[in-house]
Amino acid sequence: MLSHLGERHRGARPVLLLRGVEPPARDQLRVGTALRAFEVVLQNCSAATLAVDGADFEAVAVADVPATLARHRDALVDVQLLHHFDRAAQPITATYRIRFQIPEKRALDMVDRAFQRHLAVEALDFAAVDAFLSDRACSGVARPYADALASYVRGVLVKDRPLAAQVTLPFARYRELYVAALEGLQPYRRPLADLVCAVVRFALNAFVTSAPTGFAPLDGASQSLAALAGERSVTVGPSSHGGSGTTVGVCPLDDGVSRVLDLWRRLRERPAWSPALEEECRQVAHSDTLDALDREKALALWAEAALRASSLAAAEPLGLLSATYPFGTWASAERERMTDARGD
């Protein structure tokens, strides 16, 4: 009987996926950015009921659930899914609780302006981060967006460790703060959020295809390094958010990212290879004040520029990159090519 039931009367649990993730079973999921219907997926589901803000459950056609959830902006929605897998058996159920708190564009614009007032400044410290979060614009439903921006700036301070900021967190914590900022900001398709996400990916050597930010040095350096890392390079062109004239001054950059971008600019402005240019590359790539990830980017740019000039100076950075990720495969292949060329 058990074998028969397992083979002929077996049912799977119904599942709700939001942006590819199943909400937790014993806790509510907070949705802070507008859902699109295609981001809602139901599996093994034959019936569904929804209750909004404590009202009674009402039946909703399974095909209509994605569009129904996507319409909510400020609501607590309880979802119950049923799978009637067998007429002779009780249906399998799954329940979810989703808190929609999606700020309007005006609220997010106010956070961006507060960010520029408090954090797009030269004398950056943790007091400025506190002042930003205490700004009235950063309260309410826009708070998660503000918290993600604050995580990024805290990461900048932990990484740069300016004396005036009195940083006590371990240096390695900057990566955790950057990742928290990236996860929090990715759903927001806004100029500032996209720029910060691009900077974080660049800092963490996560070179992936993305839309241009409008900040030409960042877009150009990302394109160059993505190709060396074996990724599809970003398309550098007009930004979907407008011109590049306003992007440089709206987001603080950590010293490592700034020095790598400066090196990229320098190598583009001076395409002719020279001992002086090689020494500039060496100083950045071997700087004790830079994180290992930034030194790897400097080594990759150094090697690429030397290879373009057919210079043997590429041997040093290629050798240092051979055992690193994500440039190791490219560096090893170029070293072998250089060795073969010398052998010929």
C-alpha atoms as a PDB file:
ATOM      1  CA  MET A   1       0.000   0.000   0.000  1.00  0.00           C
ATOM      2  CA  LEU A   2       2.803   2.439   0.862  1.00  0.00           C
ATOM      3  CA  SER A   3       4.572   1.658  -2.408  1.00  0.00           C
ATOM      4  CA  HIS A   4       1.344   2.164  -4.332  1.00  0.00           C
ATOM      5  CA  LEU A   5       0.666   5.497  -2.632  1.00  0.00           C
ATOM      6  CA  GLY A   6       4.210   6.659  -3.251  1.00  0.00           C
ATOM      7  CA  GLU A   7       4.107   5.786  -6.933  1.00  0.00           C
ATOM      8  CA  ARG A   8       0.530   6.692  -7.944  1.00  0.00           C
ATOM      9  CA  HIS A   9      -0.657   9.278  -5.418  1.00  0.00           C
ATOM     10  CA  ARG A  10       2.388  11.422  -4.844  1.00  0.00           C
ATOM     11  CA  GLY A  11       2.153  15.190  -4.741  1.00  0.00           C
ATOM     12  CA  ALA A  12       4.733  17.968  -4.597  1.00  0.00           C
ATOM     13  CA  ARG A  13       4.537  20.954  -2.315  1.00  0.00           C
ATOM     14  CA  PRO A  14       3.339  24.186  -3.964  1.00  0.00           C
ATOM     15  CA  VAL A  15       6.045  26.844  -4.174  1.00  0.00           C
ATOM     16  CA  LEU A  16       6.060  30.622  -4.634  1.00  0.00           C
ATOM     17  CA  LEU A  17       9.211  32.225  -6.017  1.00  0.00           C
ATOM     18  CA  LEU A  18       9.811  35.978  -5.997  1.00  0.00           C
ATOM     19  CA  ARG A  19      12.777  36.967  -8.163  1.00  0.00           C
ATOM     20  CA  GLY A  20      13.960  33.377  -8.022  1.00  0.00           C
ATOM     21  CA  VAL A  21      13.827  33.108  -4.211  1.00  0.00           C
ATOM     22  CA  GLU A  22      11.208  31.374  -2.066  1.00  0.00           C
ATOM     23  CA  PRO A  23       9.987  33.539   0.854  1.00  0.00           C
ATOM     24  CA  PRO A  24      10.806  32.107   4.308  1.00  0.00           C
ATOM     25  CA  ALA A  25       8.166  29.797   5.763  1.00  0.00           C
ATOM     26  CA  ARG A  26       8.126  31.215   9.309  1.00  0.00           C
ATOM     27  CA  ASP A  27       8.830  34.874   8.629  1.00  0.00           C
ATOM     28  CA  GLN A  28       7.568  37.611   6.365  1.00  0.00           C
ATOM     29  CA  LEU A  29       9.461  38.686   3.272  1.00  0.00           C
ATOM     30  CA  ARG A  30       9.865  42.415   2.752  1.00  0.00           C
ATOM     31  CA  VAL A  31       9.553  43.658  -0.825  1.00  0.00           C
ATOM     32  CA  GLY A  32      10.995  47.152  -1.171  1.00  0.00           C
ATOM     33  CA  THR A  33      11.043  47.607  -4.944  1.00  0.00           C
ATOM     34  CA  ALA A  34       8.258  47.219  -7.483  1.00  0.00           C
ATOM     35  CA  LEU A  35       7.678  43.640  -8.591  1.00  0.00           C
ATOM     36  CA  ARG A  36       7.060  42.796 -12.194  1.00  0.00           C
ATOM     37  CA  ALA A  37       4.638  39.995 -12.953  1.00  0.00           C
ATOM     38  CA  PHE A  38       7.272  37.830 -14.642  1.00  0.00           C
ATOM     39  CA  GLU A  39       9.320  37.911 -11.413  1.00  0.00           C
ATOM     40  CA  VAL A  40       6.564  35.946  -9.642  1.00  0.00           C
ATOM     41  CA  VAL A  41       6.586  32.197 -10.357  1.00  0.00           C
ATOM     42  CA  LEU A  42       4.245  29.530  -8.947  1.00  0.00           C
ATOM     43  CA  GLN A  43       5.040  25.838  -9.097  1.00  0.00           C
ATOM     44  CA  ASN A  44       2.897  22.794  -8.301  1.00  0.00           C
ATOM     45  CA  CYS A  45      -0.068  25.073  -7.660  1.00  0.00           C
ATOM     46  CA  SER A  46      -3.686  24.356  -8.563  1.00  0.00           C
ATOM     47  CA  ALA A  47      -5.465  26.984  -6.383  1.00  0.00           C
ATOM     48  CA  ALA A  48      -4.559  30.160  -4.508  1.00  0.00           C
ATOM     49  CA  THR A  49      -6.124  32.488  -1.943  1.00  0.00           C
ATOM     50  CA  LEU A  50      -4.847  35.898  -0.820  1.00  0.00           C
ATOM     51  CA  ALA A  51      -5.611  38.072   2.213  1.00  0.00           C
ATOM     52  CA  VAL A  52      -4.601  41.744   2.176  1.00  0.00           C
ATOM     53  CA  ASP A  53      -3.980  43.705   5.392  1.00  0.00           C
ATOM     54  CA  GLY A  54      -5.784  41.210   7.604  1.00  0.00           C
ATOM     55  CA  ALA A  55      -8.928  40.906   5.484  1.00  0.00           C
ATOM     56  CA  ASP A  56     -10.543  37.564   4.701  1.00  0.00           C
ATOM     57  CA  PHE A  57      -8.876  35.218   2.251  1.00  0.00           C
ATOM     58  CA  GLU A  58     -10.220  35.476  -1.286  1.00  0.00           C
ATOM     59  CA  ALA A  59      -9.698  33.054  -4.127  1.00  0.00           C
ATOM     60  CA  VAL A  60      -7.501  34.238  -6.988  1.00  0.00           C
ATOM     61  CA  ALA A  61      -6.950  32.373 -10.247  1.00  0.00           C
ATOM     62  CA  VAL A  62      -3.449  30.907 -10.260  1.00  0.00           C
ATOM     63  CA  ALA A  63      -2.669  32.643 -13.555  1.00  0.00           C
ATOM     64  CA  ASP A  64      -3.641  36.007 -11.997  1.00  0.00           C
ATOM     65  CA  VAL A  65      -1.478  35.733  -8.855  1.00  0.00           C
ATOM     66  CA  PRO A  66       1.690  37.278 -10.393  1.00  0.00           C
ATOM     67  CA  ALA A  67      -0.124  40.376 -11.676  1.00  0.00           C
ATOM     68  CA  THR A  68      -2.105  40.684  -8.417  1.00  0.00           C
ATOM     69  CA  LEU A  69       1.048  40.672  -6.274  1.00  0.00           C
ATOM     70  CA  ALA A  70       2.819  43.066  -8.650  1.00  0.00           C
ATOM     71  CA  ARG A  71       0.090  45.688  -8.113  1.00  0.00           C
ATOM     72  CA  HIS A  72       0.775  46.112  -4.387  1.00  0.00           C
ATOM     73  CA  ARG A  73       2.859  49.010  -3.087  1.00  0.00           C
ATOM     74  CA  ASP A  74       2.065  49.262   0.640  1.00  0.00           C
ATOM     75  CA  ALA A  75       0.342  46.174   2.017  1.00  0.00           C
ATOM     76  CA  LEU A  76       0.718  43.021   4.086  1.00  0.00           C
ATOM     77  CA  VAL A  77      -0.312  40.070   1.907  1.00  0.00           C
ATOM     78  CA  ASP A  78      -0.861  36.538   3.151  1.00  0.00           C
ATOM     79  CA  VAL A  79      -0.680  33.938   0.394  1.00  0.00           C
ATOM     80  CA  GLN A  80      -1.988  30.392   0.616  1.00  0.00           C
ATOM     81  CA  LEU A  81      -1.237  27.992  -2.217  1.00  0.00           C
ATOM     82  CA  LEU A  82      -2.848  24.585  -2.650  1.00  0.00           C
ATOM     83  CA  HIS A  83      -1.893  21.622  -4.764  1.00  0.00           C
ATOM     84  CA  HIS A  84      -4.838  19.274  -5.397  1.00  0.00           C
ATOM     85  CA  PHE A  85      -2.643  16.460  -6.625  1.00  0.00           C
ATOM     86  CA  ASP A  86      -5.244  13.728  -6.072  1.00  0.00           C
ATOM     87  CA  ARG A  87      -9.031  13.849  -5.752  1.00  0.00           C
ATOM     88  CA  ALA A  88      -8.907  11.283  -2.946  1.00  0.00           C
ATOM     89  CA  ALA A  89      -6.316  13.105  -0.876  1.00  0.00           C
ATOM     90  CA  GLN A  90      -6.117  16.334   1.073  1.00  0.00           C
ATOM     91  CA  PRO A  91      -4.369  19.095  -0.898  1.00  0.00           C
ATOM     92  CA  ILE A  92      -0.842  20.084   0.016  1.00  0.00           C
ATOM     93  CA  THR A  93      -0.662  23.686   1.211  1.00  0.00           C
ATOM     94  CA  ALA A  94       2.008  26.329   1.551  1.00  0.00           C
ATOM     95  CA  THR A  95       1.600  29.739   3.161  1.00  0.00           C
ATOM     96  CA  TYR A  96       3.638  32.915   2.790  1.00  0.00           C
ATOM     97  CA  ARG A  97       3.503  36.398   4.265  1.00  0.00           C
ATOM     98  CA  ILE A  98       4.799  39.282   2.163  1.00  0.00           C
ATOM     99  CA  ARG A  99       5.212  42.864   3.353  1.00  0.00           C
ATOM    100  CA  PHE A 100       5.137  45.334   0.460  1.00  0.00           C
ATOM    101  CA  GLN A 101       6.770  48.658   1.313  1.00  0.00           C
ATOM    102  CA  ILE A 102       7.675  50.190  -2.019  1.00  0.00           C
ATOM    103  CA  PRO A 103       8.634  53.876  -1.921  1.00  0.00           C
ATOM    104  CA  GLU A 104       7.527  56.218  -4.652  1.00  0.00           C
ATOM    105  CA  LYS A 105      10.068  57.884  -6.929  1.00  0.00           C
ATOM    106  CA  ARG A 106       9.750  61.174  -5.056  1.00  0.00           C
ATOM    107  CA  ALA A 107      10.780  59.535  -1.764  1.00  0.00           C
ATOM    108  CA  LEU A 108      13.824  57.924  -3.383  1.00  0.00           C
ATOM    109  CA  ASP A 109      14.761  61.230  -5.043  1.00  0.00           C
ATOM    110  CA  MET A 110      14.774  62.842  -1.608  1.00  0.00           C
ATOM    111  CA  VAL A 111      17.140  60.150  -0.309  1.00  0.00           C
ATOM    112  CA  ASP A 112      19.477  60.771  -3.255  1.00  0.00           C
ATOM    113  CA  ARG A 113      19.537  64.489  -2.495  1.00  0.00           C
ATOM    114  CA  ALA A 114      20.244  63.782   1.179  1.00  0.00           C
ATOM    115  CA  PHE A 115      23.077  61.466   0.096  1.00  0.00           C
ATOM    116  CA  GLN A 116      24.626  64.255  -1.934  1.00  0.00           C
ATOM    117  CA  ARG A 117      24.287  66.740   0.920  1.00  0.00           C
ATOM    118  CA  HIS A 118      25.798  64.542   3.608  1.00  0.00           C
ATOM    119  CA  LEU A 119      27.996  61.959   1.911  1.00  0.00           C
ATOM    120  CA  ALA A 120      29.204  63.265  -1.458  1.00  0.00           C
ATOM    121  CA  VAL A 121      31.797  65.335   0.411  1.00  0.00           C
ATOM    122  CA  GLU A 122      35.555  65.305   0.863  1.00  0.00           C
ATOM    123  CA  ALA A 123      35.672  65.199   4.688  1.00  0.00           C
ATOM    124  CA  LEU A 124      33.835  61.914   5.062  1.00  0.00           C
ATOM    125  CA  ASP A 125      33.389  60.241   8.465  1.00  0.00           C
ATOM    126  CA  PHE A 126      30.913  58.101  10.391  1.00  0.00           C
ATOM    127  CA  ALA A 127      29.222  61.197  11.789  1.00  0.00           C
ATOM    128  CA  ALA A 128      28.271  62.132   8.230  1.00  0.00           C
ATOM    129  CA  VAL A 129      26.720  58.678   7.783  1.00  0.00           C
ATOM    130  CA  ASP A 130      24.720  59.143  10.991  1.00  0.00           C
ATOM    131  CA  ALA A 131      23.596  62.589   9.832  1.00  0.00           C
ATOM    132  CA  PHE A 132      22.469  61.091   6.518  1.00  0.00           C
ATOM    133  CA  LEU A 133      20.428  58.365   8.196  1.00  0.00           C
ATOM    134  CA  SER A 134      18.947  60.901  10.621  1.00  0.00           C
ATOM    135  CA  ASP A 135      17.743  63.074   7.744  1.00  0.00           C
ATOM    136  CA  ARG A 136      13.946  63.047   7.496  1.00  0.00           C
ATOM    137  CA  ALA A 137      14.242  61.979   3.857  1.00  0.00           C
ATOM    138  CA  CYS A 138      15.714  58.645   4.994  1.00  0.00           C
ATOM    139  CA  SER A 139      12.774  57.609   7.137  1.00  0.00           C
ATOM    140  CA  GLY A 140       9.697  55.602   6.277  1.00  0.00           C
ATOM    141  CA  VAL A 141       9.481  53.210   3.352  1.00  0.00           C
ATOM    142  CA  ALA A 142      12.652  54.630   1.771  1.00  0.00           C
ATOM    143  CA  ARG A 143      14.741  53.592   4.787  1.00  0.00           C
ATOM    144  CA  PRO A 144      16.035  50.285   3.295  1.00  0.00           C
ATOM    145  CA  TYR A 145      17.328  52.205   0.273  1.00  0.00           C
ATOM    146  CA  ALA A 146      19.069  54.686   2.553  1.00  0.00           C
ATOM    147  CA  ASP A 147      20.512  51.860   4.691  1.00  0.00           C
ATOM    148  CA  ALA A 148      22.041  50.244   1.598  1.00  0.00           C
ATOM    149  CA  LEU A 149      23.663  53.537   0.563  1.00  0.00           C
ATOM    150  CA  ALA A 150      24.956  53.978   4.115  1.00  0.00           C
ATOM    151  CA  SER A 151      26.474  50.480   4.036  1.00  0.00           C
ATOM    152  CA  TYR A 152      28.449  51.442   0.951  1.00  0.00           C
ATOM    153  CA  VAL A 153      29.850  54.600   2.549  1.00  0.00           C
ATOM    154  CA  ARG A 154      30.717  52.729   5.745  1.00  0.00           C
ATOM    155  CA  GLY A 155      32.577  50.273   3.520  1.00  0.00           C
ATOM    156  CA  VAL A 156      34.513  53.141   1.949  1.00  0.00           C
ATOM    157  CA  LEU A 157      35.516  54.414   5.402  1.00  0.00           C
ATOM    158  CA  VAL A 158      36.534  50.957   6.647  1.00  0.00           C
ATOM    159  CA  LYS A 159      38.595  50.381   3.522  1.00  0.00           C
ATOM    160  CA  ASP A 160      40.307  53.792   3.457  1.00  0.00           C
ATOM    161  CA  ARG A 161      40.590  54.117   7.258  1.00  0.00           C
ATOM    162  CA  PRO A 162      41.035  57.923   7.378  1.00  0.00           C
ATOM    163  CA  LEU A 163      42.522  59.090  10.680  1.00  0.00           C
ATOM    164  CA  ALA A 164      39.698  61.560  11.278  1.00  0.00           C
ATOM    165  CA  ALA A 165      37.100  58.771  11.058  1.00  0.00           C
ATOM    166  CA  GLN A 166      38.617  56.721  13.927  1.00  0.00           C
ATOM    167  CA  VAL A 167      37.814  53.393  12.273  1.00  0.00           C
ATOM    168  CA  THR A 168      37.777  50.415  14.669  1.00  0.00           C
ATOM    169  CA  LEU A 169      36.193  47.747  12.431  1.00  0.00           C
ATOM    170  CA  PRO A 170      38.619  45.230  10.894  1.00  0.00           C
ATOM    171  CA  PHE A 171      39.781  46.086   7.379  1.00  0.00           C
ATOM    172  CA  ALA A 172      38.207  42.919   5.926  1.00  0.00           C
ATOM    173  CA  ARG A 173      34.732  44.110   6.987  1.00  0.00           C
ATOM    174  CA  TYR A 174      34.663  46.538   4.084  1.00  0.00           C
ATOM    175  CA  ARG A 175      33.869  43.650   1.733  1.00  0.00           C
ATOM    176  CA  GLU A 176      30.878  42.602   3.851  1.00  0.00           C
ATOM    177  CA  LEU A 177      29.587  46.175   3.810  1.00  0.00           C
ATOM    178  CA  TYR A 178      30.080  46.429   0.052  1.00  0.00           C
ATOM    179  CA  VAL A 179      28.209  43.161  -0.514  1.00  0.00           C
ATOM    180  CA  ALA A 180      25.364  44.340   1.760  1.00  0.00           C
ATOM    181  CA  ALA A 181      25.150  47.572  -0.245  1.00  0.00           C
ATOM    182  CA  LEU A 182      25.143  45.660  -3.535  1.00  0.00           C
ATOM    183  CA  GLU A 183      22.372  43.298  -2.419  1.00  0.00           C
ATOM    184  CA  GLY A 184      20.293  46.175  -1.084  1.00  0.00           C
ATOM    185  CA  LEU A 185      20.690  48.460  -4.104  1.00  0.00           C
ATOM    186  CA  GLN A 186      20.494  46.036  -7.039  1.00  0.00           C
ATOM    187  CA  PRO A 187      16.668  46.005  -7.219  1.00  0.00           C
ATOM    188  CA  TYR A 188      16.579  49.829  -7.517  1.00  0.00           C
ATOM    189  CA  ARG A 189      17.158  50.815 -11.144  1.00  0.00           C
ATOM    190  CA  ARG A 190      18.184  54.384 -10.439  1.00  0.00           C
ATOM    191  CA  PRO A 191      21.251  56.425 -11.457  1.00  0.00           C
ATOM    192  CA  LEU A 192      22.832  56.585  -7.992  1.00  0.00           C
ATOM    193  CA  ALA A 193      22.033  52.968  -7.139  1.00  0.00           C
ATOM    194  CA  ASP A 194      23.385  51.746 -10.482  1.00  0.00           C
ATOM    195  CA  LEU A 195      26.563  53.785 -10.055  1.00  0.00           C
ATOM    196  CA  VAL A 196      27.206  52.496  -6.526  1.00  0.00           C
ATOM    197  CA  CYS A 197      26.559  48.903  -7.629  1.00  0.00           C
ATOM    198  CA  ALA A 198      28.999  49.311 -10.520  1.00  0.00           C
ATOM    199  CA  VAL A 199      31.646  50.734  -8.190  1.00  0.00           C
ATOM    200  CA  VAL A 200      31.180  47.867  -5.726  1.00  0.00           C
ATOM    201  CA  ARG A 201      31.443  45.234  -8.459  1.00  0.00           C
ATOM    202  CA  PHE A 202      34.577  46.941  -9.753  1.00  0.00           C
ATOM    203  CA  ALA A 203      36.093  47.067  -6.268  1.00  0.00           C
ATOM    204  CA  LEU A 204      35.345  43.361  -5.686  1.00  0.00           C
ATOM    205  CA  ASN A 205      36.662  42.307  -9.135  1.00  0.00           C
ATOM    206  CA  ALA A 206      33.194  41.092 -10.122  1.00  0.00           C
ATOM    207  CA  PHE A 207      33.250  42.089 -13.771  1.00  0.00           C
ATOM    208  CA  VAL A 208      29.879  41.307 -15.295  1.00  0.00           C
ATOM    209  CA  THR A 209      27.907  42.656 -18.189  1.00  0.00           C
ATOM    210  CA  SER A 210      25.990  45.744 -17.145  1.00  0.00           C
ATOM    211  CA  ALA A 211      24.640  48.963 -18.549  1.00  0.00           C
ATOM    212  CA  PRO A 212      27.031  51.929 -18.588  1.00  0.00           C
ATOM    213  CA  THR A 213      26.825  54.277 -15.635  1.00  0.00           C
ATOM    214  CA  GLY A 214      27.817  57.426 -17.524  1.00  0.00           C
ATOM    215  CA  PHE A 215      31.034  57.704 -15.487  1.00  0.00           C
ATOM    216  CA  ALA A 216      33.466  57.178 -18.367  1.00  0.00           C
ATOM    217  CA  PRO A 217      36.568  56.080 -16.399  1.00  0.00           C
ATOM    218  CA  LEU A 218      34.603  53.445 -14.488  1.00  0.00           C
ATOM    219  CA  ASP A 219      32.837  52.185 -17.621  1.00  0.00           C
ATOM    220  CA  GLY A 220      36.052  52.107 -19.626  1.00  0.00           C
ATOM    221  CA  ALA A 221      38.163  50.411 -16.962  1.00  0.00           C
ATOM    222  CA  SER A 222      35.394  47.872 -16.339  1.00  0.00           C
ATOM    223  CA  GLN A 223      35.275  47.065 -20.034  1.00  0.00           C
ATOM    224  CA  SER A 224      39.045  46.558 -20.193  1.00  0.00           C
ATOM    225  CA  LEU A 225      39.234  44.386 -17.081  1.00  0.00           C
ATOM    226  CA  ALA A 226      36.113  42.365 -17.928  1.00  0.00           C
ATOM    227  CA  ALA A 227      37.774  41.267 -21.170  1.00  0.00           C
ATOM    228  CA  LEU A 228      40.908  40.177 -19.288  1.00  0.00           C
ATOM    229  CA  ALA A 229      38.785  38.341 -16.712  1.00  0.00           C
ATOM    230  CA  GLY A 230      37.097  36.324 -19.454  1.00  0.00           C
ATOM    231  CA  GLU A 231      33.734  38.028 -19.020  1.00  0.00           C
ATOM    232  CA  ARG A 232      31.646  39.717 -21.640  1.00  0.00           C
ATOM    233  CA  SER A 233      32.761  43.298 -21.600  1.00  0.00           C
ATOM    234  CA  VAL A 234      30.328  46.044 -20.700  1.00  0.00           C
ATOM    235  CA  THR A 235      29.043  48.180 -23.515  1.00  0.00           C
ATOM    236  CA  VAL A 236      30.427  51.664 -23.116  1.00  0.00           C
ATOM    237  CA  GLY A 237      28.105  54.191 -24.668  1.00  0.00           C
ATOM    238  CA  PRO A 238      25.493  56.724 -23.662  1.00  0.00           C
ATOM    239  CA  SER A 239      24.136  56.051 -20.207  1.00  0.00           C
ATOM    240  CA  SER A 240      20.449  55.292 -19.890  1.00  0.00           C
ATOM    241  CA  HIS A 241      20.425  57.814 -17.026  1.00  0.00           C
ATOM    242  CA  GLY A 242      21.762  60.759 -19.001  1.00  0.00           C
ATOM    243  CA  GLY A 243      25.140  62.403 -19.515  1.00  0.00           C
ATOM    244  CA  SER A 244      28.294  61.808 -17.520  1.00  0.00           C
ATOM    245  CA  GLY A 245      28.753  65.350 -16.303  1.00  0.00           C
ATOM    246  CA  THR A 246      26.994  64.854 -12.959  1.00  0.00           C
ATOM    247  CA  THR A 247      28.151  61.369 -11.994  1.00  0.00           C
ATOM    248  CA  VAL A 248      31.664  62.103 -10.763  1.00  0.00           C
ATOM    249  CA  GLY A 249      30.676  64.291  -7.839  1.00  0.00           C
ATOM    250  CA  VAL A 250      27.678  62.388  -6.494  1.00  0.00           C
ATOM    251  CA  CYS A 251      29.367  59.250  -5.135  1.00  0.00           C
ATOM    252  CA  PRO A 252      32.472  58.907  -2.936  1.00  0.00           C
ATOM    253  CA  LEU A 253      35.081  56.419  -4.173  1.00  0.00           C
ATOM    254  CA  ASP A 254      37.541  54.564  -1.996  1.00  0.00           C
ATOM    255  CA  ASP A 255      41.224  55.295  -2.544  1.00  0.00           C
ATOM    256  CA  GLY A 256      41.952  51.930  -4.162  1.00  0.00           C
ATOM    257  CA  VAL A 257      39.267  52.310  -6.825  1.00  0.00           C
ATOM    258  CA  SER A 258      40.325  55.933  -7.430  1.00  0.00           C
ATOM    259  CA  ARG A 259      43.982  54.975  -7.953  1.00  0.00           C
ATOM    260  CA  VAL A 260      43.104  52.139 -10.331  1.00  0.00           C
ATOM    261  CA  LEU A 261      40.870  54.450 -12.375  1.00  0.00           C
ATOM    262  CA  ASP A 262      43.614  57.080 -12.431  1.00  0.00           C
ATOM    263  CA  LEU A 263      46.056  54.441 -13.702  1.00  0.00           C
ATOM    264  CA  TRP A 264      43.594  53.395 -16.415  1.00  0.00           C
ATOM    265  CA  ARG A 265      43.267  57.025 -17.532  1.00  0.00           C
ATOM    266  CA  ARG A 266      47.034  57.479 -17.485  1.00  0.00           C
ATOM    267  CA  LEU A 267      47.610  54.406 -19.644  1.00  0.00           C
ATOM    268  CA  ARG A 268      45.017  55.620 -22.154  1.00  0.00           C
ATOM    269  CA  GLU A 269      46.475  59.128 -22.305  1.00  0.00           C
ATOM    270  CA  ARG A 270      50.039  57.842 -22.749  1.00  0.00           C
ATOM    271  CA  PRO A 271      49.795  54.862 -25.124  1.00  0.00           C
ATOM    272  CA  ALA A 272      53.548  54.912 -25.854  1.00  0.00           C
ATOM    273  CA  TRP A 273      55.295  52.608 -23.401  1.00  0.00           C
ATOM    274  CA  SER A 274      58.214  54.052 -21.421  1.00  0.00           C
ATOM    275  CA  PRO A 275      60.275  53.234 -18.317  1.00  0.00           C
ATOM    276  CA  ALA A 276      58.525  56.071 -16.479  1.00  0.00           C
ATOM    277  CA  LEU A 277      55.106  54.614 -17.285  1.00  0.00           C
ATOM    278  CA  GLU A 278      56.268  51.176 -16.169  1.00  0.00           C
ATOM    279  CA  GLU A 279      57.384  52.629 -12.854  1.00  0.00           C
ATOM    280  CA  GLU A 280      54.001  54.298 -12.353  1.00  0.00           C
ATOM    281  CA  CYS A 281      52.328  50.931 -12.875  1.00  0.00           C
ATOM    282  CA  ARG A 282      54.731  49.233 -10.487  1.00  0.00           C
ATOM    283  CA  GLN A 283      54.108  51.794  -7.738  1.00  0.00           C
ATOM    284  CA  VAL A 284      50.352  51.265  -7.856  1.00  0.00           C
ATOM    285  CA  ALA A 285      50.513  47.485  -8.264  1.00  0.00           C
ATOM    286  CA  HIS A 286      52.909  47.045  -5.340  1.00  0.00           C
ATOM    287  CA  SER A 287      51.420  49.669  -3.024  1.00  0.00           C
ATOM    288  CA  ASP A 288      51.159  48.395   0.550  1.00  0.00           C
ATOM    289  CA  THR A 289      48.218  50.718   1.185  1.00  0.00           C
ATOM    290  CA  LEU A 290      45.988  49.071  -1.419  1.00  0.00           C
ATOM    291  CA  ASP A 291      43.875  45.985  -0.988  1.00  0.00           C
ATOM    292  CA  ALA A 292      44.932  42.833  -2.846  1.00  0.00           C
ATOM    293  CA  LEU A 293      41.938  43.136  -5.196  1.00  0.00           C
ATOM    294  CA  ASP A 294      43.005  46.629  -6.268  1.00  0.00           C
ATOM    295  CA  ARG A 295      46.616  45.554  -6.755  1.00  0.00           C
ATOM    296  CA  GLU A 296      45.396  42.747  -9.036  1.00  0.00           C
ATOM    297  CA  LYS A 297      43.486  45.244 -11.171  1.00  0.00           C
ATOM    298  CA  ALA A 298      46.604  47.422 -11.409  1.00  0.00           C
ATOM    299  CA  LEU A 299      48.703  44.417 -12.418  1.00  0.00           C
ATOM    300  CA  ALA A 300      46.198  43.503 -15.125  1.00  0.00           C
ATOM    301  CA  LEU A 301      46.150  47.029 -16.564  1.00  0.00           C
ATOM    302  CA  TRP A 302      49.961  47.124 -16.442  1.00  0.00           C
ATOM    303  CA  ALA A 303      50.262  43.808 -18.262  1.00  0.00           C
ATOM    304  CA  GLU A 304      47.671  44.764 -20.869  1.00  0.00           C
ATOM    305  CA  ALA A 305      49.393  48.069 -21.651  1.00  0.00           C
ATOM    306  CA  ALA A 306      52.822  46.441 -21.887  1.00  0.00           C
ATOM    307  CA  LEU A 307      51.463  43.735 -24.193  1.00  0.00           C
ATOM    308  CA  ARG A 308      49.919  46.351 -26.475  1.00  0.00           C
ATOM    309  CA  ALA A 309      53.382  47.882 -26.779  1.00  0.00           C
ATOM    310  CA  SER A 310      54.958  44.433 -27.345  1.00  0.00           C
ATOM    311  CA  SER A 311      57.116  45.093 -24.303  1.00  0.00           C
ATOM    312  CA  LEU A 312      58.855  42.430 -22.247  1.00  0.00           C
ATOM    313  CA  ALA A 313      57.763  44.476 -19.223  1.00  0.00           C
ATOM    314  CA  ALA A 314      54.542  42.441 -19.295  1.00  0.00           C
ATOM    315  CA  ALA A 315      56.387  39.400 -17.930  1.00  0.00           C
ATOM    316  CA  GLU A 316      56.472  40.719 -14.361  1.00  0.00           C
ATOM    317  CA  PRO A 317      52.750  41.504 -13.892  1.00  0.00           C
ATOM    318  CA  LEU A 318      51.693  38.394 -15.834  1.00  0.00           C
ATOM    319  CA  GLY A 319      53.771  36.218 -13.526  1.00  0.00           C
ATOM    320  CA  LEU A 320      52.140  37.767 -10.451  1.00  0.00           C
ATOM    321  CA  LEU A 321      48.652  37.355 -11.912  1.00  0.00           C
ATOM    322  CA  SER A 322      48.960  33.729 -13.025  1.00  0.00           C
ATOM    323  CA  ALA A 323      47.638  32.261  -9.771  1.00  0.00           C
ATOM    324  CA  THR A 324      44.939  34.878  -9.140  1.00  0.00           C
ATOM    325  CA  TYR A 325      41.231  35.073  -9.876  1.00  0.00           C
ATOM    326  CA  PRO A 326      39.769  36.336 -12.183  1.00  0.00           C
ATOM    327  CA  PHE A 327      42.828  37.200 -14.286  1.00  0.00           C
ATOM    328  CA  GLY A 328      44.820  33.985 -13.858  1.00  0.00           C
ATOM    329  CA  THR A 329      43.610  32.195 -16.988  1.00  0.00           C
ATOM    330  CA  TRP A 330      44.352  35.158 -19.241  1.00  0.00           C
ATOM    331  CA  ALA A 331      47.731  35.824 -17.606  1.00  0.00           C
ATOM    332  CA  SER A 332      48.852  32.198 -17.917  1.00  0.00           C
ATOM    333  CA  ALA A 333      47.866  32.086 -21.593  1.00  0.00           C
ATOM    334  CA  GLU A 334      49.773  35.304 -22.310  1.00  0.00           C
ATOM    335  CA  ARG A 335      52.858  34.020 -20.484  1.00  0.00           C
ATOM    336  CA  GLU A 336      52.827  30.856 -22.576  1.00  0.00           C
ATOM    337  CA  ARG A 337      52.441  32.919 -25.731  1.00  0.00           C
ATOM    338  CA  MET A 338      55.404  35.098 -24.753  1.00  0.00           C
ATOM    339  CA  THR A 339      57.497  32.020 -23.991  1.00  0.00           C
ATOM    340  CA  ASP A 340      56.625  30.467 -27.350  1.00  0.00           C
ATOM    341  CA  ALA A 341      57.432  33.710 -29.144  1.00  0.00           C
ATOM    342  CA  ARG A 342      60.888  33.900 -27.508  1.00  0.00           C
ATOM    343  CA  GLY A 343      61.474  30.244 -28.358  1.00  0.00           C
ATOM    344  CA  ASP A 344      60.729  30.933 -32.022  1.00  0.00           C
END
